[in-house]
Amino acid sequence: MNRSDKSHWYTFIFLGPDKKWSLLFLFNCHHLYENPWTIPNLLCVCRILLAPFLGHLIIQQKFHLSLALFALAGATDLLDGYIARTWPTQKSALGSALDPLADKILISILYVSLTYAELIPAPLTALVIFRDIGLIAAVFWVRYKTVPPPVTLTKFFNPCYTTAQLKPTLISKINTAIQLCLVAASLAAPVFQYTDSILLQCLWYITAVTTTASGYSYWHYGRKTVQVLNTRSPS
């Protein structure tokens, strides 16, 4: 039995006794199932797991090690994107959501930690986190609206079922790059002794502008940033 057949059997278990409707549902959901265990997805998970450890190191003011591990996290980000683009079998709709989610978790934890270390101003960190919370809430809403009924926690959080694919805006990609540049510059500041640099402070304002513009772009373009792969069947 291949992986797709297994997904059919599991869906049948979720739906219960109505066999006629269940078989139709299984047929409709055949194309939704995908393998979540790809190398890019695993690299994203590693980046998520690395984030709290990095935050702890920053709070402990171990900036040399923090900077080295942040460079490693950045390398995994570049690597998972390269693998997904080069080998189509490694590309997944789950990855389109997991990659930016990993970035948001990493950025949020590092911004809070750097604010605690007095390397990034608190208002900027609040702006970054507020935007990310809004985007994550929107992703959960789209997921809820596109998961076929009946919606259960098991089905909702099952990474094997893909119902939508995210399409980040250009300004959002630029914003993520600038936010990560600020993290790198802030981590390097105590290492290379330029914490009071005017250029670093200018980067704060640039990050605030791109973060605001990115949040507005998602609100303005709305549904254009989400490709729905499946819509709910009538309940």
Protein backbone atom coordinates (compact mmCIF):
# COMPACT_ATOMS: atom_id res chain seq x y z
CA MET A 1 0.00 0.00 0.00
CA ASN A 2 1.50 3.38 -0.98
CA ARG A 3 1.39 6.54 1.09
CA SER A 4 -1.64 7.96 -0.71
CA ASP A 5 -3.61 4.77 0.01
CA LYS A 6 -2.78 5.09 3.67
CA SER A 7 -4.09 8.64 3.67
CA HIS A 8 -7.39 7.38 2.28
CA TRP A 9 -7.73 4.80 5.04
CA TYR A 10 -7.01 7.34 7.76
CA THR A 11 -9.57 9.74 6.35
CA PHE A 12 -12.17 6.98 6.37
CA ILE A 13 -11.52 6.44 10.07
CA PHE A 14 -11.97 10.15 10.77
CA LEU A 15 -15.33 10.32 9.02
CA GLY A 16 -17.02 7.33 10.58
CA PRO A 17 -20.04 5.29 9.53
CA ASP A 18 -21.45 7.15 6.50
CA LYS A 19 -19.62 4.99 3.95
CA LYS A 20 -21.12 6.47 0.80
CA TRP A 21 -20.22 10.05 1.68
CA SER A 22 -16.88 8.92 3.11
CA LEU A 23 -15.79 7.26 -0.14
CA LEU A 24 -16.63 10.40 -2.08
CA PHE A 25 -14.68 12.48 0.41
CA LEU A 26 -11.69 10.15 0.13
CA PHE A 27 -11.70 10.56 -3.63
CA ASN A 28 -11.86 14.35 -3.39
CA CYS A 29 -9.00 14.50 -0.86
CA HIS A 30 -6.62 12.25 -2.77
CA HIS A 31 -4.70 15.21 -4.16
CA LEU A 32 -4.47 16.92 -0.78
CA TYR A 33 -2.14 14.38 0.76
CA GLU A 34 1.60 15.03 0.57
CA ASN A 35 4.68 13.77 2.31
CA PRO A 36 5.67 16.27 5.05
CA TRP A 37 9.05 14.62 5.70
CA THR A 38 11.08 16.52 3.12
CA ILE A 39 14.57 17.88 3.72
CA PRO A 40 13.48 21.56 3.50
CA ASN A 41 10.70 20.94 6.04
CA LEU A 42 13.11 19.20 8.41
CA LEU A 43 15.53 22.13 8.10
CA CYS A 44 12.67 24.49 8.97
CA VAL A 45 11.90 22.42 12.06
CA CYS A 46 15.57 22.55 13.07
CA ARG A 47 15.47 26.34 12.73
CA ILE A 48 12.39 26.50 14.96
CA LEU A 49 14.05 24.30 17.60
CA LEU A 50 17.21 26.41 17.47
CA ALA A 51 15.34 29.67 18.12
CA PRO A 52 14.75 29.33 21.92
CA PHE A 53 18.32 28.14 22.46
CA LEU A 54 19.59 31.19 20.59
CA GLY A 55 17.35 33.44 22.67
CA HIS A 56 18.75 31.95 25.87
CA LEU A 57 22.33 32.56 24.73
CA ILE A 58 21.52 36.20 23.96
CA ILE A 59 19.98 36.73 27.39
CA GLN A 60 23.15 35.21 28.88
CA GLN A 61 25.10 37.74 26.74
CA LYS A 62 27.06 35.04 24.93
CA PHE A 63 27.10 37.07 21.74
CA HIS A 64 30.01 35.34 19.98
CA LEU A 65 28.29 31.95 20.11
CA SER A 66 24.91 33.52 19.35
CA LEU A 67 26.28 35.16 16.22
CA ALA A 68 27.79 31.88 15.02
CA LEU A 69 24.58 29.92 15.58
CA PHE A 70 22.52 32.64 13.92
CA ALA A 71 24.76 32.32 10.86
CA LEU A 72 24.07 28.58 10.94
CA ALA A 73 20.31 29.23 11.11
CA GLY A 74 20.63 31.58 8.13
CA ALA A 75 22.50 28.91 6.20
CA THR A 76 19.68 26.40 6.79
CA ASP A 77 17.21 29.00 5.53
CA LEU A 78 19.14 29.42 2.29
CA LEU A 79 19.68 25.68 1.95
CA ASP A 80 16.03 24.66 2.33
CA GLY A 81 15.01 27.21 -0.29
CA TYR A 82 17.68 25.99 -2.70
CA ILE A 83 16.69 22.34 -2.25
CA ALA A 84 12.99 23.09 -2.76
CA ARG A 85 13.71 25.02 -5.97
CA THR A 86 16.18 22.48 -7.36
CA TRP A 87 14.32 19.24 -6.65
CA PRO A 88 10.54 19.43 -7.28
CA THR A 89 9.90 16.34 -5.13
CA GLN A 90 11.22 18.29 -2.13
CA LYS A 91 8.82 21.18 -2.69
CA SER A 92 5.57 21.11 -0.73
CA ALA A 93 2.62 23.32 0.14
CA LEU A 94 3.42 22.64 3.80
CA GLY A 95 6.87 24.07 3.22
CA SER A 96 5.38 27.27 1.81
CA ALA A 97 3.80 27.84 5.23
CA LEU A 98 6.47 26.24 7.42
CA ASP A 99 9.37 28.29 6.04
CA PRO A 100 7.89 31.73 6.84
CA LEU A 101 6.56 30.36 10.14
CA ALA A 102 10.09 29.28 11.10
CA ASP A 103 11.36 32.75 10.16
CA LYS A 104 8.66 34.42 12.25
CA ILE A 105 9.35 32.26 15.31
CA LEU A 106 13.10 32.83 14.99
CA ILE A 107 12.71 36.57 14.46
CA SER A 108 10.19 37.03 17.29
CA ILE A 109 12.30 35.15 19.85
CA LEU A 110 15.50 36.93 18.82
CA TYR A 111 13.90 40.38 18.83
CA VAL A 112 12.54 39.83 22.34
CA SER A 113 15.93 38.54 23.51
CA LEU A 114 17.81 41.42 21.88
CA THR A 115 15.39 43.88 23.46
CA TYR A 116 16.08 42.29 26.84
CA ALA A 117 19.79 42.75 26.11
CA GLU A 118 19.07 46.42 25.22
CA LEU A 119 20.25 46.02 21.64
CA ILE A 120 16.89 46.58 19.89
CA PRO A 121 14.29 49.14 21.08
CA ALA A 122 11.13 47.74 22.65
CA PRO A 123 8.66 49.64 20.37
CA LEU A 124 10.23 48.06 17.28
CA THR A 125 10.02 44.59 18.80
CA ALA A 126 6.37 45.19 19.70
CA LEU A 127 5.64 46.23 16.09
CA VAL A 128 7.36 43.14 14.67
CA ILE A 129 5.55 40.74 17.02
CA PHE A 130 2.17 42.45 16.51
CA ARG A 131 2.48 42.00 12.74
CA ASP A 132 3.54 38.37 13.05
CA ILE A 133 0.70 37.52 15.43
CA GLY A 134 -1.74 39.01 12.93
CA LEU A 135 -0.30 36.97 10.06
CA ILE A 136 -0.26 33.73 12.06
CA ALA A 137 -3.87 34.32 13.11
CA ALA A 138 -4.80 34.85 9.45
CA VAL A 139 -3.06 31.60 8.46
CA PHE A 140 -4.99 29.68 11.12
CA TRP A 141 -8.24 31.23 9.90
CA VAL A 142 -7.52 30.21 6.29
CA ARG A 143 -6.65 26.72 7.48
CA TYR A 144 -9.91 26.48 9.41
CA LYS A 145 -11.97 27.68 6.44
CA THR A 146 -10.34 25.27 3.96
CA VAL A 147 -10.08 22.04 5.95
CA PRO A 148 -12.89 19.74 4.75
CA PRO A 149 -15.60 19.08 7.35
CA PRO A 150 -15.94 17.78 9.92
CA VAL A 151 -13.08 19.89 11.32
CA THR A 152 -11.22 18.09 14.10
CA LEU A 153 -8.00 18.99 15.89
CA THR A 154 -6.35 15.90 14.41
CA LYS A 155 -7.27 16.90 10.88
CA PHE A 156 -6.56 20.60 11.45
CA PHE A 157 -2.99 19.99 12.63
CA ASN A 158 -2.28 17.05 10.31
CA PRO A 159 0.65 18.27 8.14
CA CYS A 160 -0.11 15.63 5.51
CA TYR A 161 -3.25 17.45 4.36
CA THR A 162 -2.53 20.61 2.40
CA THR A 163 -5.46 22.93 1.83
CA ALA A 164 -3.76 26.22 0.96
CA GLN A 165 -0.41 27.54 -0.21
CA LEU A 166 1.01 30.88 0.87
CA LYS A 167 2.39 33.40 -1.61
CA PRO A 168 4.37 36.07 0.25
CA THR A 169 4.42 39.55 -1.26
CA LEU A 170 7.63 41.13 -2.55
CA ILE A 171 7.73 43.68 0.25
CA SER A 172 7.28 40.85 2.76
CA LYS A 173 10.35 39.05 1.39
CA ILE A 174 12.33 42.30 1.54
CA ASN A 175 11.09 42.92 5.08
CA THR A 176 12.17 39.47 6.27
CA ALA A 177 15.65 40.05 4.83
CA ILE A 178 15.91 43.45 6.54
CA GLN A 179 14.65 42.08 9.86
CA LEU A 180 17.25 39.33 9.74
CA CYS A 181 19.95 41.86 8.79
CA LEU A 182 19.04 43.88 11.88
CA VAL A 183 19.33 40.76 14.04
CA ALA A 184 22.76 39.99 12.58
CA ALA A 185 23.93 43.59 12.98
CA SER A 186 22.63 43.74 16.57
CA LEU A 187 24.31 40.46 17.51
CA ALA A 188 27.57 41.64 15.97
CA ALA A 189 27.41 45.07 17.66
CA PRO A 190 28.74 44.00 21.10
CA VAL A 191 31.24 41.66 19.44
CA PHE A 192 32.76 44.39 17.25
CA GLN A 193 32.02 47.29 19.63
CA TYR A 194 29.60 49.46 17.62
CA THR A 195 26.46 49.36 19.79
CA ASP A 196 26.08 53.18 19.55
CA SER A 197 26.47 53.33 15.78
CA ILE A 198 24.15 55.77 14.00
CA LEU A 199 23.92 53.31 11.10
CA LEU A 200 22.51 50.66 13.42
CA GLN A 201 19.91 53.13 14.65
CA CYS A 202 19.00 54.00 11.05
CA LEU A 203 18.42 50.30 10.45
CA TRP A 204 15.86 50.35 13.29
CA TYR A 205 13.75 52.91 11.41
CA ILE A 206 14.14 51.13 8.08
CA THR A 207 12.96 47.90 9.72
CA ALA A 208 9.96 49.69 11.23
CA VAL A 209 8.97 51.06 7.81
CA THR A 210 9.28 47.73 5.98
CA THR A 211 7.47 45.86 8.77
CA THR A 212 4.54 48.28 8.56
CA ALA A 213 4.53 48.17 4.75
CA SER A 214 4.63 44.38 4.77
CA GLY A 215 1.69 44.13 7.15
CA TYR A 216 -0.28 46.57 4.98
CA SER A 217 0.53 44.60 1.81
CA TYR A 218 -1.05 41.45 3.27
CA TRP A 219 -4.14 43.42 4.28
CA HIS A 220 -4.34 45.15 0.88
CA TYR A 221 -3.82 42.11 -1.35
CA GLY A 222 -5.68 39.73 0.94
CA ARG A 223 -6.72 36.60 -0.91
CA LYS A 224 -4.13 37.10 -3.64
CA THR A 225 -1.48 35.99 -1.13
CA VAL A 226 -3.19 32.62 -0.55
CA GLN A 227 -3.76 29.90 -3.14
CA VAL A 228 -6.56 27.67 -1.90
CA LEU A 229 -5.96 24.07 -2.96
CA ASN A 230 -9.23 22.80 -1.58
CA THR A 231 -12.50 24.27 -0.41
CA ARG A 232 -14.85 22.77 2.09
CA SER A 233 -17.45 20.34 0.95
CA PRO A 234 -20.97 21.13 2.09
CA SER A 235 -21.68 19.71 5.52
